[in-house]
Amino acid sequence: MSSGEADFSASLILKRGGLARVGLERIALLEAVARLGSISAAAKEAGLSYKGAWDGVQALNNLFDAPLVSAAPGGKSGGAAQVTPRGQAVIRAFRAAEREIGAAFARLEADLSGDAELLWSLGLRTSARNALRGVVTAVEGDGVTATVTLSLGEGLSLRASITRRSVEDLGLEPGRPAIALIKSSFVRIGEGDGDNRLLGEIVDREAGEASAELTIALAAGKTVTATLKPGDAAWALPAGARVEARIAAADIILAVD
């Protein structure tokens, strides 16, 4: 290509519900964890902070039907971590798809010329800190609003309150996969609306003067992140504390493929 044209190359991103999910960086992180057996070591190799790598691993575990990484939080000094058979399968599938797409784009590049811009796609990003994939098990209510129950696995579930029109537009019905999006500020610890009460353990805490971010490990390999203020009852809770995360049904947004 001439210097006036954009560099054109294939880049594979797996998506669900219109939201960018898994790209090369996270697959490389998975591969590093599999090879080194440690999230902290994988973070160093990938040029990430330990927090960034841990968040990436938790996001992957949340977005698949089974955990991709089994890990014991060990802080920056490290903890044992293992890529599960499900994670190995994701790596193999991604790399195989990447090879096929790369070969296809290599064949097409010569013919694209000035029309290359037609193939650019824009991935939707969300500010919601929590994205949990599950399967719809029930849709209740016949008025303006409806309550949708989403199973996350191992007895863990969420109830979301959305409009009946949204239920119809998204095609929500039992057996339909969906993703729950929840802002971290909507996750309360041991207080607030009790539509959803999720028991778990604080596995990471990062605090500043004005706010703190807690990562809470749940069942089924899932996690939720909560943002706290200094006046909140759970402000001083350390990693390792058992807590109950509460989320109002009206604070959950649902997305589908």
C-alpha atoms as a PDB file:
ATOM      1  CA  MET A   1       0.000   0.000   0.000  1.00  0.00           C
ATOM      2  CA  SER A   2       1.106   3.591  -0.573  1.00  0.00           C
ATOM      3  CA  SER A   3       1.991   5.851   2.346  1.00  0.00           C
ATOM      4  CA  GLY A   4      -1.379   7.615   1.945  1.00  0.00           C
ATOM      5  CA  GLU A   5      -3.407   4.485   2.548  1.00  0.00           C
ATOM      6  CA  ALA A   6      -4.240   2.802   5.855  1.00  0.00           C
ATOM      7  CA  ASP A   7      -2.495  -0.405   6.750  1.00  0.00           C
ATOM      8  CA  PHE A   8      -4.978  -3.221   6.103  1.00  0.00           C
ATOM      9  CA  SER A   9      -4.790  -6.510   7.940  1.00  0.00           C
ATOM     10  CA  ALA A  10      -7.102  -9.153   9.364  1.00  0.00           C
ATOM     11  CA  SER A  11      -7.864  -9.055  13.078  1.00  0.00           C
ATOM     12  CA  LEU A  12     -10.167 -11.625  14.649  1.00  0.00           C
ATOM     13  CA  ILE A  13     -12.484 -10.593  17.474  1.00  0.00           C
ATOM     14  CA  LEU A  14     -15.089 -12.988  18.844  1.00  0.00           C
ATOM     15  CA  LYS A  15     -18.353 -11.246  19.672  1.00  0.00           C
ATOM     16  CA  ARG A  16     -21.568 -11.982  21.531  1.00  0.00           C
ATOM     17  CA  GLY A  17     -24.572  -9.702  21.650  1.00  0.00           C
ATOM     18  CA  GLY A  18     -22.823  -7.074  19.526  1.00  0.00           C
ATOM     19  CA  LEU A  19     -20.167  -6.568  22.201  1.00  0.00           C
ATOM     20  CA  ALA A  20     -16.481  -7.144  21.482  1.00  0.00           C
ATOM     21  CA  ARG A  21     -15.418 -10.138  23.531  1.00  0.00           C
ATOM     22  CA  VAL A  22     -12.192 -11.954  22.791  1.00  0.00           C
ATOM     23  CA  GLY A  23      -9.314 -10.686  20.692  1.00  0.00           C
ATOM     24  CA  LEU A  24      -5.672 -11.561  20.145  1.00  0.00           C
ATOM     25  CA  GLU A  25      -4.460  -9.867  23.354  1.00  0.00           C
ATOM     26  CA  ARG A  26      -6.647 -12.012  25.609  1.00  0.00           C
ATOM     27  CA  ILE A  27      -5.834 -15.186  23.712  1.00  0.00           C
ATOM     28  CA  ALA A  28      -2.121 -14.375  24.093  1.00  0.00           C
ATOM     29  CA  LEU A  29      -2.729 -13.880  27.825  1.00  0.00           C
ATOM     30  CA  LEU A  30      -4.437 -17.292  28.013  1.00  0.00           C
ATOM     31  CA  GLU A  31      -1.520 -18.895  26.201  1.00  0.00           C
ATOM     32  CA  ALA A  32       0.954 -17.263  28.587  1.00  0.00           C
ATOM     33  CA  VAL A  33      -1.003 -18.503  31.620  1.00  0.00           C
ATOM     34  CA  ALA A  34      -1.059 -22.015  30.148  1.00  0.00           C
ATOM     35  CA  ARG A  35       2.679 -21.947  29.544  1.00  0.00           C
ATOM     36  CA  LEU A  36       3.805 -20.264  32.771  1.00  0.00           C
ATOM     37  CA  GLY A  37       1.175 -21.475  35.244  1.00  0.00           C
ATOM     38  CA  SER A  38       0.872 -18.029  36.823  1.00  0.00           C
ATOM     39  CA  ILE A  39      -1.208 -14.931  36.124  1.00  0.00           C
ATOM     40  CA  SER A  40       1.506 -12.633  37.479  1.00  0.00           C
ATOM     41  CA  ALA A  41       4.153 -14.220  35.228  1.00  0.00           C
ATOM     42  CA  ALA A  42       1.784 -14.078  32.259  1.00  0.00           C
ATOM     43  CA  ALA A  43       1.096 -10.398  32.986  1.00  0.00           C
ATOM     44  CA  LYS A  44       4.811  -9.615  32.976  1.00  0.00           C
ATOM     45  CA  GLU A  45       5.334 -11.406  29.677  1.00  0.00           C
ATOM     46  CA  ALA A  46       2.334  -9.674  28.097  1.00  0.00           C
ATOM     47  CA  GLY A  47       3.395  -6.234  29.346  1.00  0.00           C
ATOM     48  CA  LEU A  48       0.319  -5.888  31.578  1.00  0.00           C
ATOM     49  CA  SER A  49      -0.109  -4.944  35.197  1.00  0.00           C
ATOM     50  CA  TYR A  50      -1.125  -7.800  37.486  1.00  0.00           C
ATOM     51  CA  LYS A  51      -4.491  -6.067  37.954  1.00  0.00           C
ATOM     52  CA  GLY A  52      -4.996  -5.777  34.195  1.00  0.00           C
ATOM     53  CA  ALA A  53      -4.192  -9.455  33.652  1.00  0.00           C
ATOM     54  CA  TRP A  54      -6.403 -10.574  36.557  1.00  0.00           C
ATOM     55  CA  ASP A  55      -9.297  -8.473  35.197  1.00  0.00           C
ATOM     56  CA  GLY A  56      -8.782 -10.007  31.742  1.00  0.00           C
ATOM     57  CA  VAL A  57      -8.893 -13.530  33.148  1.00  0.00           C
ATOM     58  CA  GLN A  58     -12.038 -12.805  35.168  1.00  0.00           C
ATOM     59  CA  ALA A  59     -13.725 -11.234  32.130  1.00  0.00           C
ATOM     60  CA  LEU A  60     -12.994 -14.366  30.095  1.00  0.00           C
ATOM     61  CA  ASN A  61     -14.360 -16.613  32.842  1.00  0.00           C
ATOM     62  CA  ASN A  62     -17.512 -14.499  33.046  1.00  0.00           C
ATOM     63  CA  LEU A  63     -18.191 -14.507  29.319  1.00  0.00           C
ATOM     64  CA  PHE A  64     -17.983 -18.239  28.634  1.00  0.00           C
ATOM     65  CA  ASP A  65     -20.237 -21.051  29.788  1.00  0.00           C
ATOM     66  CA  ALA A  66     -17.392 -22.573  31.832  1.00  0.00           C
ATOM     67  CA  PRO A  67     -14.216 -21.014  33.314  1.00  0.00           C
ATOM     68  CA  LEU A  68     -11.258 -20.768  30.963  1.00  0.00           C
ATOM     69  CA  VAL A  69      -8.752 -20.306  33.799  1.00  0.00           C
ATOM     70  CA  SER A  70      -8.707 -21.872  37.230  1.00  0.00           C
ATOM     71  CA  ALA A  71      -6.694 -19.640  39.542  1.00  0.00           C
ATOM     72  CA  ALA A  72      -6.060 -18.948  43.196  1.00  0.00           C
ATOM     73  CA  PRO A  73      -5.561 -15.206  43.802  1.00  0.00           C
ATOM     74  CA  GLY A  74      -1.999 -14.687  44.920  1.00  0.00           C
ATOM     75  CA  GLY A  75      -1.425 -11.006  44.348  1.00  0.00           C
ATOM     76  CA  LYS A  76       1.561  -9.676  42.462  1.00  0.00           C
ATOM     77  CA  SER A  77       3.754 -12.350  44.001  1.00  0.00           C
ATOM     78  CA  GLY A  78       1.759 -14.899  42.062  1.00  0.00           C
ATOM     79  CA  GLY A  79      -0.625 -17.770  42.594  1.00  0.00           C
ATOM     80  CA  ALA A  80      -1.067 -21.057  40.795  1.00  0.00           C
ATOM     81  CA  ALA A  81      -3.149 -20.770  37.642  1.00  0.00           C
ATOM     82  CA  GLN A  82      -4.192 -23.356  35.088  1.00  0.00           C
ATOM     83  CA  VAL A  83      -5.965 -23.031  31.750  1.00  0.00           C
ATOM     84  CA  THR A  84      -8.901 -25.441  31.791  1.00  0.00           C
ATOM     85  CA  PRO A  85      -9.768 -27.853  28.961  1.00  0.00           C
ATOM     86  CA  ARG A  86     -12.444 -25.341  27.951  1.00  0.00           C
ATOM     87  CA  GLY A  87      -9.789 -22.630  27.799  1.00  0.00           C
ATOM     88  CA  GLN A  88      -7.474 -24.809  25.702  1.00  0.00           C
ATOM     89  CA  ALA A  89     -10.364 -25.437  23.298  1.00  0.00           C
ATOM     90  CA  VAL A  90     -10.980 -21.672  22.986  1.00  0.00           C
ATOM     91  CA  ILE A  91      -7.300 -21.086  22.200  1.00  0.00           C
ATOM     92  CA  ARG A  92      -7.294 -23.795  19.507  1.00  0.00           C
ATOM     93  CA  ALA A  93     -10.528 -22.539  17.951  1.00  0.00           C
ATOM     94  CA  PHE A  94      -9.355 -18.922  17.915  1.00  0.00           C
ATOM     95  CA  ARG A  95      -5.992 -19.734  16.350  1.00  0.00           C
ATOM     96  CA  ALA A  96      -7.609 -21.972  13.706  1.00  0.00           C
ATOM     97  CA  ALA A  97     -10.123 -19.247  12.803  1.00  0.00           C
ATOM     98  CA  GLU A  98      -7.342 -16.653  12.775  1.00  0.00           C
ATOM     99  CA  ARG A  99      -5.319 -18.710  10.287  1.00  0.00           C
ATOM    100  CA  GLU A 100      -8.307 -19.148   7.962  1.00  0.00           C
ATOM    101  CA  ILE A 101      -9.250 -15.464   8.105  1.00  0.00           C
ATOM    102  CA  GLY A 102      -5.656 -14.382   7.532  1.00  0.00           C
ATOM    103  CA  ALA A 103      -5.400 -16.588   4.460  1.00  0.00           C
ATOM    104  CA  ALA A 104      -8.707 -15.277   3.109  1.00  0.00           C
ATOM    105  CA  PHE A 105      -7.691 -11.640   3.542  1.00  0.00           C
ATOM    106  CA  ALA A 106      -4.339 -12.298   1.919  1.00  0.00           C
ATOM    107  CA  ARG A 107      -6.239 -13.528  -1.153  1.00  0.00           C
ATOM    108  CA  LEU A 108      -8.642 -10.580  -1.119  1.00  0.00           C
ATOM    109  CA  GLU A 109      -6.222  -7.749  -0.443  1.00  0.00           C
ATOM    110  CA  ALA A 110      -5.098  -7.393  -4.046  1.00  0.00           C
ATOM    111  CA  ASP A 111      -8.706  -6.981  -5.200  1.00  0.00           C
ATOM    112  CA  LEU A 112      -9.903  -4.567  -2.521  1.00  0.00           C
ATOM    113  CA  SER A 113      -8.133  -1.456  -3.767  1.00  0.00           C
ATOM    114  CA  GLY A 114     -10.092   1.663  -2.714  1.00  0.00           C
ATOM    115  CA  ASP A 115     -13.022  -0.376  -1.397  1.00  0.00           C
ATOM    116  CA  ALA A 116     -11.154  -1.659   1.658  1.00  0.00           C
ATOM    117  CA  GLU A 117     -13.059   0.736   3.921  1.00  0.00           C
ATOM    118  CA  LEU A 118     -16.229  -1.291   3.250  1.00  0.00           C
ATOM    119  CA  LEU A 119     -14.848  -4.102   5.404  1.00  0.00           C
ATOM    120  CA  TRP A 120     -14.074  -2.057   8.511  1.00  0.00           C
ATOM    121  CA  SER A 121     -16.471  -2.871  11.357  1.00  0.00           C
ATOM    122  CA  LEU A 122     -16.995  -0.896  14.558  1.00  0.00           C
ATOM    123  CA  GLY A 123     -17.275  -2.850  17.811  1.00  0.00           C
ATOM    124  CA  LEU A 124     -19.715  -1.498  20.391  1.00  0.00           C
ATOM    125  CA  ARG A 125     -18.135  -0.760  23.755  1.00  0.00           C
ATOM    126  CA  THR A 126     -19.924  -0.521  27.060  1.00  0.00           C
ATOM    127  CA  SER A 127     -19.076   1.258  30.300  1.00  0.00           C
ATOM    128  CA  ALA A 128     -20.719  -1.544  32.304  1.00  0.00           C
ATOM    129  CA  ARG A 129     -17.989  -3.141  34.450  1.00  0.00           C
ATOM    130  CA  ASN A 130     -19.783  -6.495  34.716  1.00  0.00           C
ATOM    131  CA  ALA A 131     -20.831  -8.660  31.768  1.00  0.00           C
ATOM    132  CA  LEU A 132     -22.134 -12.102  32.747  1.00  0.00           C
ATOM    133  CA  ARG A 133     -23.254 -14.673  30.206  1.00  0.00           C
ATOM    134  CA  GLY A 134     -26.100 -17.052  31.010  1.00  0.00           C
ATOM    135  CA  VAL A 135     -29.234 -18.736  29.703  1.00  0.00           C
ATOM    136  CA  VAL A 136     -32.815 -17.508  30.134  1.00  0.00           C
ATOM    137  CA  THR A 137     -34.817 -19.900  32.304  1.00  0.00           C
ATOM    138  CA  ALA A 138     -38.030 -17.899  32.799  1.00  0.00           C
ATOM    139  CA  VAL A 139     -39.884 -14.813  31.570  1.00  0.00           C
ATOM    140  CA  GLU A 140     -42.661 -13.625  33.882  1.00  0.00           C
ATOM    141  CA  GLY A 141     -45.178 -10.799  33.720  1.00  0.00           C
ATOM    142  CA  ASP A 142     -47.786  -9.856  31.135  1.00  0.00           C
ATOM    143  CA  GLY A 143     -47.934  -6.079  31.622  1.00  0.00           C
ATOM    144  CA  VAL A 144     -45.606  -3.289  30.533  1.00  0.00           C
ATOM    145  CA  THR A 145     -42.641  -4.824  32.351  1.00  0.00           C
ATOM    146  CA  ALA A 146     -41.361  -8.382  32.667  1.00  0.00           C
ATOM    147  CA  THR A 147     -38.939 -10.214  34.915  1.00  0.00           C
ATOM    148  CA  VAL A 148     -36.370 -12.350  33.128  1.00  0.00           C
ATOM    149  CA  THR A 149     -34.434 -15.002  35.065  1.00  0.00           C
ATOM    150  CA  LEU A 150     -30.959 -15.744  33.746  1.00  0.00           C
ATOM    151  CA  SER A 151     -29.098 -18.873  34.889  1.00  0.00           C
ATOM    152  CA  LEU A 152     -25.324 -18.405  35.157  1.00  0.00           C
ATOM    153  CA  GLY A 153     -24.648 -22.046  36.112  1.00  0.00           C
ATOM    154  CA  GLU A 154     -24.173 -24.042  39.325  1.00  0.00           C
ATOM    155  CA  GLY A 155     -27.374 -22.674  40.864  1.00  0.00           C
ATOM    156  CA  LEU A 156     -26.325 -19.046  40.314  1.00  0.00           C
ATOM    157  CA  SER A 157     -28.975 -16.843  38.697  1.00  0.00           C
ATOM    158  CA  LEU A 158     -29.973 -13.217  38.125  1.00  0.00           C
ATOM    159  CA  ARG A 159     -33.401 -11.609  37.792  1.00  0.00           C
ATOM    160  CA  ALA A 160     -33.653  -8.609  35.462  1.00  0.00           C
ATOM    161  CA  SER A 161     -36.630  -6.267  35.163  1.00  0.00           C
ATOM    162  CA  ILE A 162     -37.053  -4.955  31.608  1.00  0.00           C
ATOM    163  CA  THR A 163     -39.930  -3.839  29.411  1.00  0.00           C
ATOM    164  CA  ARG A 164     -42.150  -6.345  27.646  1.00  0.00           C
ATOM    165  CA  ARG A 165     -41.201  -4.655  24.361  1.00  0.00           C
ATOM    166  CA  SER A 166     -37.524  -5.351  25.103  1.00  0.00           C
ATOM    167  CA  VAL A 167     -38.360  -9.003  25.755  1.00  0.00           C
ATOM    168  CA  GLU A 168     -39.987  -9.211  22.337  1.00  0.00           C
ATOM    169  CA  ASP A 169     -37.272  -7.244  20.528  1.00  0.00           C
ATOM    170  CA  LEU A 170     -34.510  -9.433  22.000  1.00  0.00           C
ATOM    171  CA  GLY A 171     -36.427 -12.668  21.475  1.00  0.00           C
ATOM    172  CA  LEU A 172     -36.009 -13.631  25.114  1.00  0.00           C
ATOM    173  CA  GLU A 173     -37.472 -17.004  26.042  1.00  0.00           C
ATOM    174  CA  PRO A 174     -36.368 -20.042  28.053  1.00  0.00           C
ATOM    175  CA  GLY A 175     -33.217 -21.547  26.542  1.00  0.00           C
ATOM    176  CA  ARG A 176     -32.067 -18.304  24.918  1.00  0.00           C
ATOM    177  CA  PRO A 177     -28.474 -17.270  25.777  1.00  0.00           C
ATOM    178  CA  ALA A 178     -28.136 -13.696  27.001  1.00  0.00           C
ATOM    179  CA  ILE A 179     -25.606 -11.398  28.665  1.00  0.00           C
ATOM    180  CA  ALA A 180     -26.334  -9.379  31.810  1.00  0.00           C
ATOM    181  CA  LEU A 181     -24.637  -5.952  31.901  1.00  0.00           C
ATOM    182  CA  ILE A 182     -24.280  -4.323  35.320  1.00  0.00           C
ATOM    183  CA  LYS A 183     -22.472  -1.120  36.251  1.00  0.00           C
ATOM    184  CA  SER A 184     -20.159  -1.636  39.198  1.00  0.00           C
ATOM    185  CA  SER A 185     -21.812   1.264  41.050  1.00  0.00           C
ATOM    186  CA  PHE A 186     -25.082  -0.703  40.985  1.00  0.00           C
ATOM    187  CA  VAL A 187     -23.559  -3.601  42.946  1.00  0.00           C
ATOM    188  CA  ARG A 188     -24.145  -3.063  46.671  1.00  0.00           C
ATOM    189  CA  ILE A 189     -22.418  -5.077  49.397  1.00  0.00           C
ATOM    190  CA  GLY A 190     -24.768  -6.273  52.151  1.00  0.00           C
ATOM    191  CA  GLU A 191     -27.215  -3.388  51.710  1.00  0.00           C
ATOM    192  CA  GLY A 192     -29.690  -1.969  49.232  1.00  0.00           C
ATOM    193  CA  ASP A 193     -32.316  -3.648  47.043  1.00  0.00           C
ATOM    194  CA  GLY A 194     -32.343  -7.411  47.443  1.00  0.00           C
ATOM    195  CA  ASP A 195     -33.803  -8.569  44.095  1.00  0.00           C
ATOM    196  CA  ASN A 196     -30.533 -10.421  43.484  1.00  0.00           C
ATOM    197  CA  ARG A 197     -28.402 -11.600  46.422  1.00  0.00           C
ATOM    198  CA  LEU A 198     -25.161 -13.274  45.414  1.00  0.00           C
ATOM    199  CA  LEU A 199     -22.874 -14.846  48.009  1.00  0.00           C
ATOM    200  CA  GLY A 200     -19.177 -14.715  47.339  1.00  0.00           C
ATOM    201  CA  GLU A 201     -15.689 -13.837  48.524  1.00  0.00           C
ATOM    202  CA  ILE A 202     -13.670 -10.694  47.935  1.00  0.00           C
ATOM    203  CA  VAL A 203     -10.666 -11.769  45.864  1.00  0.00           C
ATOM    204  CA  ASP A 204      -9.289  -8.357  44.959  1.00  0.00           C
ATOM    205  CA  ARG A 205      -9.513  -4.860  46.429  1.00  0.00           C
ATOM    206  CA  GLU A 206      -8.115  -1.690  44.889  1.00  0.00           C
ATOM    207  CA  ALA A 207      -8.761   1.535  46.795  1.00  0.00           C
ATOM    208  CA  GLY A 208      -8.065   5.232  46.484  1.00  0.00           C
ATOM    209  CA  GLU A 209      -9.134   8.120  48.661  1.00  0.00           C
ATOM    210  CA  ALA A 210     -12.522   8.594  46.977  1.00  0.00           C
ATOM    211  CA  SER A 211     -13.493   5.088  45.911  1.00  0.00           C
ATOM    212  CA  ALA A 212     -12.655   1.406  46.120  1.00  0.00           C
ATOM    213  CA  GLU A 213     -13.177  -1.402  43.624  1.00  0.00           C
ATOM    214  CA  LEU A 214     -13.910  -4.882  44.934  1.00  0.00           C
ATOM    215  CA  THR A 215     -13.877  -8.044  42.828  1.00  0.00           C
ATOM    216  CA  ILE A 216     -16.102 -10.749  44.286  1.00  0.00           C
ATOM    217  CA  ALA A 217     -15.769 -14.401  43.280  1.00  0.00           C
ATOM    218  CA  LEU A 218     -19.108 -16.187  42.894  1.00  0.00           C
ATOM    219  CA  ALA A 219     -20.099 -19.737  42.003  1.00  0.00           C
ATOM    220  CA  ALA A 220     -19.703 -21.101  38.451  1.00  0.00           C
ATOM    221  CA  GLY A 221     -16.349 -19.346  38.036  1.00  0.00           C
ATOM    222  CA  LYS A 222     -18.067 -15.950  37.758  1.00  0.00           C
ATOM    223  CA  THR A 223     -17.136 -12.656  39.385  1.00  0.00           C
ATOM    224  CA  VAL A 224     -18.785  -9.283  39.931  1.00  0.00           C
ATOM    225  CA  THR A 225     -17.079  -5.963  40.540  1.00  0.00           C
ATOM    226  CA  ALA A 226     -18.470  -3.359  42.938  1.00  0.00           C
ATOM    227  CA  THR A 227     -17.440   0.273  43.323  1.00  0.00           C
ATOM    228  CA  LEU A 228     -17.694   1.652  46.869  1.00  0.00           C
ATOM    229  CA  LYS A 229     -17.506   5.078  48.500  1.00  0.00           C
ATOM    230  CA  PRO A 230     -15.802   5.795  51.861  1.00  0.00           C
ATOM    231  CA  GLY A 231     -19.145   5.947  53.672  1.00  0.00           C
ATOM    232  CA  ASP A 232     -20.290   2.507  52.514  1.00  0.00           C
ATOM    233  CA  ALA A 233     -20.543  -0.199  55.165  1.00  0.00           C
ATOM    234  CA  ALA A 234     -18.251  -2.547  53.201  1.00  0.00           C
ATOM    235  CA  TRP A 235     -15.535   0.081  52.596  1.00  0.00           C
ATOM    236  CA  ALA A 236     -12.952  -1.471  54.914  1.00  0.00           C
ATOM    237  CA  LEU A 237     -13.569  -5.137  54.112  1.00  0.00           C
ATOM    238  CA  PRO A 238     -10.339  -6.913  53.084  1.00  0.00           C
ATOM    239  CA  ALA A 239      -9.669  -9.567  50.452  1.00  0.00           C
ATOM    240  CA  GLY A 240     -10.853 -12.924  51.726  1.00  0.00           C
ATOM    241  CA  ALA A 241     -13.995 -11.581  53.407  1.00  0.00           C
ATOM    242  CA  ARG A 242     -17.263 -13.378  52.666  1.00  0.00           C
ATOM    243  CA  VAL A 243     -19.917 -10.956  51.426  1.00  0.00           C
ATOM    244  CA  GLU A 244     -23.344 -10.731  49.835  1.00  0.00           C
ATOM    245  CA  ALA A 245     -23.549  -8.683  46.641  1.00  0.00           C
ATOM    246  CA  ARG A 246     -26.985  -7.175  46.033  1.00  0.00           C
ATOM    247  CA  ILE A 247     -28.221  -5.977  42.661  1.00  0.00           C
ATOM    248  CA  ALA A 248     -31.639  -4.511  41.863  1.00  0.00           C
ATOM    249  CA  ALA A 249     -33.424  -6.240  38.999  1.00  0.00           C
ATOM    250  CA  ALA A 250     -34.070  -2.845  37.376  1.00  0.00           C
ATOM    251  CA  ASP A 251     -30.305  -2.137  37.295  1.00  0.00           C
ATOM    252  CA  ILE A 252     -29.537  -5.065  34.972  1.00  0.00           C
ATOM    253  CA  ILE A 253     -29.438  -4.617  31.187  1.00  0.00           C
ATOM    254  CA  LEU A 254     -29.758  -7.688  28.971  1.00  0.00           C
ATOM    255  CA  ALA A 255     -28.051  -8.182  25.596  1.00  0.00           C
ATOM    256  CA  VAL A 256     -28.275 -11.069  23.115  1.00  0.00           C
ATOM    257  CA  ASP A 257     -26.388 -12.426  20.101  1.00  0.00           C
END
